[in-house]
Amino acid sequence: MNKENTTNYTALIPFLIIDIVRLIIENKNMDFFSAVSYLYKTQLYEFLSNEQTKLWHLSSYKLFDLLEREKTTQKFEFPDFV
């Protein structure tokens, strides 16, 4: 990974996380801290924290969809296009 990709990844992740938390709050009627906990206890968050998974390329809406699938099925599945 080159320095530019690392910088882009590092800069983008906090915005994605905030946006996913916002979607959780809106769709699940949770308060902020519950929404953060809901996200942080998932494999999606673990994989999103790893630049090499390339999940950070996806929109926050797609990531929220993956999160909900993981919560429903109790397992995380990478989309075919990552």
PDB file of N, CA and C in Angstrom:
ATOM      1  N   MET A   1       0.842  -1.168   0.000  1.00  0.00           N
ATOM      2  CA  MET A   1       0.000   0.000   0.000  1.00  0.00           C
ATOM      3  C   MET A   1       0.890   1.234   0.000  1.00  0.00           C
ATOM      4  N   ASN A   2       0.587   2.153  -0.893  1.00  0.00           N
ATOM      5  CA  ASN A   2       1.413   3.351  -0.932  1.00  0.00           C
ATOM      6  C   ASN A   2       0.888   4.403   0.041  1.00  0.00           C
ATOM      7  N   LYS A   3       1.673   5.452   0.238  1.00  0.00           N
ATOM      8  CA  LYS A   3       1.347   6.469   1.231  1.00  0.00           C
ATOM      9  C   LYS A   3       0.038   7.189   0.907  1.00  0.00           C
ATOM     10  N   GLU A   4      -0.234   7.428  -0.376  1.00  0.00           N
ATOM     11  CA  GLU A   4      -1.461   8.121  -0.763  1.00  0.00           C
ATOM     12  C   GLU A   4      -2.694   7.294  -0.393  1.00  0.00           C
ATOM     13  N   ASN A   5      -2.661   5.991  -0.654  1.00  0.00           N
ATOM     14  CA  ASN A   5      -3.791   5.130  -0.291  1.00  0.00           C
ATOM     15  C   ASN A   5      -3.995   5.086   1.217  1.00  0.00           C
ATOM     16  N   THR A   6      -2.896   5.046   1.964  1.00  0.00           N
ATOM     17  CA  THR A   6      -2.987   5.041   3.420  1.00  0.00           C
ATOM     18  C   THR A   6      -3.633   6.328   3.910  1.00  0.00           C
ATOM     19  N   THR A   7      -3.237   7.441   3.343  1.00  0.00           N
ATOM     20  CA  THR A   7      -3.796   8.729   3.724  1.00  0.00           C
ATOM     21  C   THR A   7      -5.280   8.792   3.385  1.00  0.00           C
ATOM     22  N   ASN A   8      -5.671   8.344   2.205  1.00  0.00           N
ATOM     23  CA  ASN A   8      -7.079   8.346   1.814  1.00  0.00           C
ATOM     24  C   ASN A   8      -7.902   7.469   2.746  1.00  0.00           C
ATOM     25  N   TYR A   9      -7.396   6.298   3.031  1.00  0.00           N
ATOM     26  CA  TYR A   9      -8.084   5.350   3.912  1.00  0.00           C
ATOM     27  C   TYR A   9      -8.240   5.945   5.309  1.00  0.00           C
ATOM     28  N   THR A  10      -7.165   6.448   5.854  1.00  0.00           N
ATOM     29  CA  THR A  10      -7.168   7.017   7.199  1.00  0.00           C
ATOM     30  C   THR A  10      -8.119   8.203   7.297  1.00  0.00           C
ATOM     31  N   ALA A  11      -8.182   9.002   6.264  1.00  0.00           N
ATOM     32  CA  ALA A  11      -9.066  10.164   6.267  1.00  0.00           C
ATOM     33  C   ALA A  11     -10.529   9.774   6.105  1.00  0.00           C
ATOM     34  N   LEU A  12     -10.807   8.744   5.364  1.00  0.00           N
ATOM     35  CA  LEU A  12     -12.176   8.374   5.028  1.00  0.00           C
ATOM     36  C   LEU A  12     -12.891   7.580   6.119  1.00  0.00           C
ATOM     37  N   ILE A  13     -12.185   6.736   6.823  1.00  0.00           N
ATOM     38  CA  ILE A  13     -12.804   5.831   7.789  1.00  0.00           C
ATOM     39  C   ILE A  13     -13.658   6.546   8.843  1.00  0.00           C
ATOM     40  N   PRO A  14     -13.178   7.596   9.492  1.00  0.00           N
ATOM     41  CA  PRO A  14     -14.042   8.255  10.497  1.00  0.00           C
ATOM     42  C   PRO A  14     -15.361   8.763   9.911  1.00  0.00           C
ATOM     43  N   PHE A  15     -15.336   9.260   8.686  1.00  0.00           N
ATOM     44  CA  PHE A  15     -16.561   9.753   8.058  1.00  0.00           C
ATOM     45  C   PHE A  15     -17.524   8.607   7.748  1.00  0.00           C
ATOM     46  N   LEU A  16     -16.984   7.487   7.295  1.00  0.00           N
ATOM     47  CA  LEU A  16     -17.833   6.321   7.045  1.00  0.00           C
ATOM     48  C   LEU A  16     -18.473   5.819   8.339  1.00  0.00           C
ATOM     49  N   ILE A  17     -17.691   5.742   9.384  1.00  0.00           N
ATOM     50  CA  ILE A  17     -18.208   5.257  10.661  1.00  0.00           C
ATOM     51  C   ILE A  17     -19.303   6.177  11.188  1.00  0.00           C
ATOM     52  N   ILE A  18     -19.072   7.479  11.132  1.00  0.00           N
ATOM     53  CA  ILE A  18     -20.087   8.432  11.582  1.00  0.00           C
ATOM     54  C   ILE A  18     -21.365   8.278  10.762  1.00  0.00           C
ATOM     55  N   ASP A  19     -21.217   8.104   9.467  1.00  0.00           N
ATOM     56  CA  ASP A  19     -22.390   7.965   8.608  1.00  0.00           C
ATOM     57  C   ASP A  19     -23.132   6.651   8.878  1.00  0.00           C
ATOM     58  N   ILE A  20     -22.409   5.585   9.102  1.00  0.00           N
ATOM     59  CA  ILE A  20     -23.057   4.300   9.436  1.00  0.00           C
ATOM     60  C   ILE A  20     -23.781   4.416  10.776  1.00  0.00           C
ATOM     61  N   VAL A  21     -23.154   5.048  11.746  1.00  0.00           N
ATOM     62  CA  VAL A  21     -23.801   5.253  13.047  1.00  0.00           C
ATOM     63  C   VAL A  21     -25.071   6.084  12.868  1.00  0.00           C
ATOM     64  N   ARG A  22     -25.041   7.106  12.036  1.00  0.00           N
ATOM     65  CA  ARG A  22     -26.228   7.913  11.756  1.00  0.00           C
ATOM     66  C   ARG A  22     -27.342   7.040  11.178  1.00  0.00           C
ATOM     67  N   LEU A  23     -26.992   6.159  10.249  1.00  0.00           N
ATOM     68  CA  LEU A  23     -27.986   5.263   9.654  1.00  0.00           C
ATOM     69  C   LEU A  23     -28.568   4.297  10.689  1.00  0.00           C
ATOM     70  N   ILE A  24     -27.731   3.831  11.583  1.00  0.00           N
ATOM     71  CA  ILE A  24     -28.218   2.951  12.655  1.00  0.00           C
ATOM     72  C   ILE A  24     -29.203   3.717  13.540  1.00  0.00           C
ATOM     73  N   ILE A  25     -28.845   4.931  13.931  1.00  0.00           N
ATOM     74  CA  ILE A  25     -29.720   5.749  14.773  1.00  0.00           C
ATOM     75  C   ILE A  25     -31.071   5.963  14.085  1.00  0.00           C
ATOM     76  N   GLU A  26     -31.030   6.312  12.804  1.00  0.00           N
ATOM     77  CA  GLU A  26     -32.264   6.591  12.061  1.00  0.00           C
ATOM     78  C   GLU A  26     -33.112   5.346  11.830  1.00  0.00           C
ATOM     79  N   ASN A  27     -32.481   4.237  11.515  1.00  0.00           N
ATOM     80  CA  ASN A  27     -33.224   3.034  11.144  1.00  0.00           C
ATOM     81  C   ASN A  27     -33.558   2.121  12.316  1.00  0.00           C
ATOM     82  N   LYS A  28     -32.809   2.219  13.380  1.00  0.00           N
ATOM     83  CA  LYS A  28     -33.014   1.328  14.526  1.00  0.00           C
ATOM     84  C   LYS A  28     -33.539   2.073  15.757  1.00  0.00           C
ATOM     85  N   ASN A  29     -33.716   3.387  15.639  1.00  0.00           N
ATOM     86  CA  ASN A  29     -34.193   4.214  16.758  1.00  0.00           C
ATOM     87  C   ASN A  29     -33.333   4.035  18.005  1.00  0.00           C
ATOM     88  N   MET A  30     -32.031   4.063  17.814  1.00  0.00           N
ATOM     89  CA  MET A  30     -31.097   3.926  18.937  1.00  0.00           C
ATOM     90  C   MET A  30     -30.500   5.289  19.262  1.00  0.00           C
ATOM     91  N   ASP A  31     -30.029   5.416  20.497  1.00  0.00           N
ATOM     92  CA  ASP A  31     -29.263   6.609  20.829  1.00  0.00           C
ATOM     93  C   ASP A  31     -27.843   6.433  20.290  1.00  0.00           C
ATOM     94  N   PHE A  32     -27.063   7.489  20.355  1.00  0.00           N
ATOM     95  CA  PHE A  32     -25.725   7.484  19.775  1.00  0.00           C
ATOM     96  C   PHE A  32     -24.848   6.363  20.335  1.00  0.00           C
ATOM     97  N   PHE A  33     -24.793   6.246  21.649  1.00  0.00           N
ATOM     98  CA  PHE A  33     -23.893   5.266  22.265  1.00  0.00           C
ATOM     99  C   PHE A  33     -24.316   3.832  21.964  1.00  0.00           C
ATOM    100  N   SER A  34     -25.605   3.589  21.928  1.00  0.00           N
ATOM    101  CA  SER A  34     -26.094   2.251  21.562  1.00  0.00           C
ATOM    102  C   SER A  34     -25.761   1.931  20.115  1.00  0.00           C
ATOM    103  N   ALA A  35     -25.879   2.928  19.248  1.00  0.00           N
ATOM    104  CA  ALA A  35     -25.574   2.730  17.827  1.00  0.00           C
ATOM    105  C   ALA A  35     -24.089   2.443  17.622  1.00  0.00           C
ATOM    106  N   VAL A  36     -23.243   3.155  18.333  1.00  0.00           N
ATOM    107  CA  VAL A  36     -21.795   2.912  18.246  1.00  0.00           C
ATOM    108  C   VAL A  36     -21.482   1.493  18.715  1.00  0.00           C
ATOM    109  N   SER A  37     -22.060   1.096  19.812  1.00  0.00           N
ATOM    110  CA  SER A  37     -21.851  -0.262  20.333  1.00  0.00           C
ATOM    111  C   SER A  37     -22.369  -1.305  19.343  1.00  0.00           C
ATOM    112  N   TYR A  38     -23.516  -1.051  18.755  1.00  0.00           N
ATOM    113  CA  TYR A  38     -24.128  -1.951  17.760  1.00  0.00           C
ATOM    114  C   TYR A  38     -23.162  -2.193  16.598  1.00  0.00           C
ATOM    115  N   LEU A  39     -22.483  -1.143  16.158  1.00  0.00           N
ATOM    116  CA  LEU A  39     -21.529  -1.260  15.056  1.00  0.00           C
ATOM    117  C   LEU A  39     -20.219  -1.895  15.512  1.00  0.00           C
ATOM    118  N   TYR A  40     -19.678  -1.437  16.633  1.00  0.00           N
ATOM    119  CA  TYR A  40     -18.345  -1.870  17.060  1.00  0.00           C
ATOM    120  C   TYR A  40     -18.263  -3.345  17.428  1.00  0.00           C
ATOM    121  N   LYS A  41     -19.390  -3.969  17.692  1.00  0.00           N
ATOM    122  CA  LYS A  41     -19.394  -5.385  18.076  1.00  0.00           C
ATOM    123  C   LYS A  41     -19.622  -6.305  16.877  1.00  0.00           C
ATOM    124  N   THR A  42     -19.226  -5.861  15.692  1.00  0.00           N
ATOM    125  CA  THR A  42     -19.477  -6.651  14.486  1.00  0.00           C
ATOM    126  C   THR A  42     -18.188  -6.969  13.742  1.00  0.00           C
ATOM    127  N   GLN A  43     -18.285  -7.994  12.927  1.00  0.00           N
ATOM    128  CA  GLN A  43     -17.165  -8.316  12.042  1.00  0.00           C
ATOM    129  C   GLN A  43     -17.013  -7.230  10.987  1.00  0.00           C
ATOM    130  N   LEU A  44     -18.115  -6.631  10.566  1.00  0.00           N
ATOM    131  CA  LEU A  44     -18.030  -5.545   9.587  1.00  0.00           C
ATOM    132  C   LEU A  44     -17.068  -4.476  10.078  1.00  0.00           C
ATOM    133  N   TYR A  45     -17.207  -4.071  11.329  1.00  0.00           N
ATOM    134  CA  TYR A  45     -16.312  -3.043  11.864  1.00  0.00           C
ATOM    135  C   TYR A  45     -14.864  -3.525  11.851  1.00  0.00           C
ATOM    136  N   GLU A  46     -14.634  -4.761  12.228  1.00  0.00           N
ATOM    137  CA  GLU A  46     -13.271  -5.305  12.200  1.00  0.00           C
ATOM    138  C   GLU A  46     -12.696  -5.255  10.787  1.00  0.00           C
ATOM    139  N   PHE A  47     -13.487  -5.690   9.810  1.00  0.00           N
ATOM    140  CA  PHE A  47     -13.013  -5.701   8.426  1.00  0.00           C
ATOM    141  C   PHE A  47     -12.874  -4.286   7.874  1.00  0.00           C
ATOM    142  N   LEU A  48     -13.768  -3.392   8.260  1.00  0.00           N
ATOM    143  CA  LEU A  48     -13.688  -2.001   7.817  1.00  0.00           C
ATOM    144  C   LEU A  48     -12.428  -1.339   8.363  1.00  0.00           C
ATOM    145  N   SER A  49     -11.990  -1.783   9.525  1.00  0.00           N
ATOM    146  CA  SER A  49     -10.780  -1.244  10.144  1.00  0.00           C
ATOM    147  C   SER A  49      -9.509  -1.736   9.471  1.00  0.00           C
ATOM    148  N   ASN A  50      -9.638  -2.682   8.572  1.00  0.00           N
ATOM    149  CA  ASN A  50      -8.489  -3.244   7.853  1.00  0.00           C
ATOM    150  C   ASN A  50      -8.513  -2.736   6.409  1.00  0.00           C
ATOM    151  N   GLU A  51      -7.563  -1.903   6.053  1.00  0.00           N
ATOM    152  CA  GLU A  51      -7.520  -1.290   4.723  1.00  0.00           C
ATOM    153  C   GLU A  51      -7.516  -2.325   3.614  1.00  0.00           C
ATOM    154  N   GLN A  52      -6.894  -3.450   3.835  1.00  0.00           N
ATOM    155  CA  GLN A  52      -6.728  -4.446   2.777  1.00  0.00           C
ATOM    156  C   GLN A  52      -8.028  -5.124   2.359  1.00  0.00           C
ATOM    157  N   THR A  53      -9.078  -5.032   3.172  1.00  0.00           N
ATOM    158  CA  THR A  53     -10.358  -5.624   2.792  1.00  0.00           C
ATOM    159  C   THR A  53     -11.071  -4.808   1.714  1.00  0.00           C
ATOM    160  N   LYS A  54     -10.682  -3.551   1.581  1.00  0.00           N
ATOM    161  CA  LYS A  54     -11.252  -2.627   0.588  1.00  0.00           C
ATOM    162  C   LYS A  54     -12.725  -2.312   0.828  1.00  0.00           C
ATOM    163  N   LEU A  55     -13.257  -2.642   1.993  1.00  0.00           N
ATOM    164  CA  LEU A  55     -14.645  -2.302   2.293  1.00  0.00           C
ATOM    165  C   LEU A  55     -14.859  -0.797   2.342  1.00  0.00           C
ATOM    166  N   TRP A  56     -13.824  -0.068   2.642  1.00  0.00           N
ATOM    167  CA  TRP A  56     -13.931   1.385   2.730  1.00  0.00           C
ATOM    168  C   TRP A  56     -14.264   2.035   1.389  1.00  0.00           C
ATOM    169  N   HIS A  57     -14.193   1.284   0.312  1.00  0.00           N
ATOM    170  CA  HIS A  57     -14.575   1.793  -1.005  1.00  0.00           C
ATOM    171  C   HIS A  57     -16.095   1.845  -1.168  1.00  0.00           C
ATOM    172  N   LEU A  58     -16.815   1.127  -0.319  1.00  0.00           N
ATOM    173  CA  LEU A  58     -18.268   1.044  -0.447  1.00  0.00           C
ATOM    174  C   LEU A  58     -18.945   2.244   0.203  1.00  0.00           C
ATOM    175  N   SER A  59     -20.160   2.509  -0.233  1.00  0.00           N
ATOM    176  CA  SER A  59     -20.928   3.612   0.356  1.00  0.00           C
ATOM    177  C   SER A  59     -21.384   3.232   1.766  1.00  0.00           C
ATOM    178  N   SER A  60     -21.701   4.235   2.539  1.00  0.00           N
ATOM    179  CA  SER A  60     -22.191   3.968   3.889  1.00  0.00           C
ATOM    180  C   SER A  60     -23.520   3.215   3.844  1.00  0.00           C
ATOM    181  N   TYR A  61     -24.329   3.449   2.801  1.00  0.00           N
ATOM    182  CA  TYR A  61     -25.590   2.715   2.664  1.00  0.00           C
ATOM    183  C   TYR A  61     -25.351   1.227   2.411  1.00  0.00           C
ATOM    184  N   LYS A  62     -24.389   0.918   1.566  1.00  0.00           N
ATOM    185  CA  LYS A  62     -24.053  -0.481   1.307  1.00  0.00           C
ATOM    186  C   LYS A  62     -23.467  -1.127   2.562  1.00  0.00           C
ATOM    187  N   LEU A  63     -22.626  -0.393   3.263  1.00  0.00           N
ATOM    188  CA  LEU A  63     -22.043  -0.920   4.494  1.00  0.00           C
ATOM    189  C   LEU A  63     -23.122  -1.163   5.547  1.00  0.00           C
ATOM    190  N   PHE A  64     -24.100  -0.275   5.634  1.00  0.00           N
ATOM    191  CA  PHE A  64     -25.219  -0.478   6.556  1.00  0.00           C
ATOM    192  C   PHE A  64     -25.999  -1.734   6.173  1.00  0.00           C
ATOM    193  N   ASP A  65     -26.209  -1.933   4.892  1.00  0.00           N
ATOM    194  CA  ASP A  65     -26.889  -3.137   4.416  1.00  0.00           C
ATOM    195  C   ASP A  65     -26.104  -4.392   4.817  1.00  0.00           C
ATOM    196  N   LEU A  66     -24.795  -4.360   4.642  1.00  0.00           N
ATOM    197  CA  LEU A  66     -23.955  -5.496   5.047  1.00  0.00           C
ATOM    198  C   LEU A  66     -24.029  -5.720   6.557  1.00  0.00           C
ATOM    199  N   LEU A  67     -24.075  -4.643   7.313  1.00  0.00           N
ATOM    200  CA  LEU A  67     -24.202  -4.726   8.764  1.00  0.00           C
ATOM    201  C   LEU A  67     -25.508  -5.414   9.151  1.00  0.00           C
ATOM    202  N   GLU A  68     -26.588  -5.012   8.529  1.00  0.00           N
ATOM    203  CA  GLU A  68     -27.885  -5.612   8.849  1.00  0.00           C
ATOM    204  C   GLU A  68     -27.939  -7.084   8.449  1.00  0.00           C
ATOM    205  N   ARG A  69     -27.327  -7.418   7.350  1.00  0.00           N
ATOM    206  CA  ARG A  69     -27.254  -8.839   6.960  1.00  0.00           C
ATOM    207  C   ARG A  69     -26.468  -9.641   7.984  1.00  0.00           C
ATOM    208  N   GLU A  70     -25.347  -9.055   8.438  1.00  0.00           N
ATOM    209  CA  GLU A  70     -24.542  -9.746   9.452  1.00  0.00           C
ATOM    210  C   GLU A  70     -25.348  -9.936  10.732  1.00  0.00           C
ATOM    211  N   LYS A  71     -26.066  -8.923  11.148  1.00  0.00           N
ATOM    212  CA  LYS A  71     -26.869  -9.021  12.372  1.00  0.00           C
ATOM    213  C   LYS A  71     -27.966 -10.075  12.221  1.00  0.00           C
ATOM    214  N   THR A  72     -28.531 -10.192  11.029  1.00  0.00           N
ATOM    215  CA  THR A  72     -29.611 -11.150  10.788  1.00  0.00           C
ATOM    216  C   THR A  72     -29.091 -12.586  10.718  1.00  0.00           C
ATOM    217  N   THR A  73     -27.979 -12.776  10.018  1.00  0.00           N
ATOM    218  CA  THR A  73     -27.457 -14.125   9.781  1.00  0.00           C
ATOM    219  C   THR A  73     -26.390 -14.559  10.785  1.00  0.00           C
ATOM    220  N   GLN A  74     -25.904 -13.617  11.578  1.00  0.00           N
ATOM    221  CA  GLN A  74     -24.839 -13.876  12.552  1.00  0.00           C
ATOM    222  C   GLN A  74     -23.505 -14.227  11.895  1.00  0.00           C
ATOM    223  N   LYS A  75     -23.354 -13.845  10.615  1.00  0.00           N
ATOM    224  CA  LYS A  75     -22.054 -14.007   9.955  1.00  0.00           C
ATOM    225  C   LYS A  75     -21.906 -12.923   8.901  1.00  0.00           C
ATOM    226  N   PHE A  76     -20.662 -12.561   8.653  1.00  0.00           N
ATOM    227  CA  PHE A  76     -20.389 -11.512   7.675  1.00  0.00           C
ATOM    228  C   PHE A  76     -20.013 -12.155   6.343  1.00  0.00           C
ATOM    229  N   GLU A  77     -20.593 -11.648   5.275  1.00  0.00           N
ATOM    230  CA  GLU A  77     -20.270 -12.113   3.937  1.00  0.00           C
ATOM    231  C   GLU A  77     -19.802 -10.928   3.090  1.00  0.00           C
ATOM    232  N   PHE A  78     -18.635 -11.087   2.508  1.00  0.00           N
ATOM    233  CA  PHE A  78     -18.123 -10.040   1.634  1.00  0.00           C
ATOM    234  C   PHE A  78     -18.962  -9.984   0.359  1.00  0.00           C
ATOM    235  N   PRO A  79     -19.256  -8.787  -0.117  1.00  0.00           N
ATOM    236  CA  PRO A  79     -19.943  -8.689  -1.414  1.00  0.00           C
ATOM    237  C   PRO A  79     -19.006  -9.156  -2.520  1.00  0.00           C
ATOM    238  N   ASP A  80     -19.573  -9.621  -3.610  1.00  0.00           N
ATOM    239  CA  ASP A  80     -18.787 -10.141  -4.727  1.00  0.00           C
ATOM    240  C   ASP A  80     -17.875  -9.113  -5.364  1.00  0.00           C
ATOM    241  N   PHE A  81     -18.232  -7.855  -5.249  1.00  0.00           N
ATOM    242  CA  PHE A  81     -17.522  -6.819  -5.984  1.00  0.00           C
ATOM    243  C   PHE A  81     -16.432  -6.115  -5.200  1.00  0.00           C
ATOM    244  N   VAL A  82     -16.085  -6.593  -4.011  1.00  0.00           N
ATOM    245  CA  VAL A  82     -15.001  -5.958  -3.239  1.00  0.00           C
ATOM    246  C   VAL A  82     -13.692  -6.563  -3.676  1.00  0.00           C
TER     247      VAL A  82
END
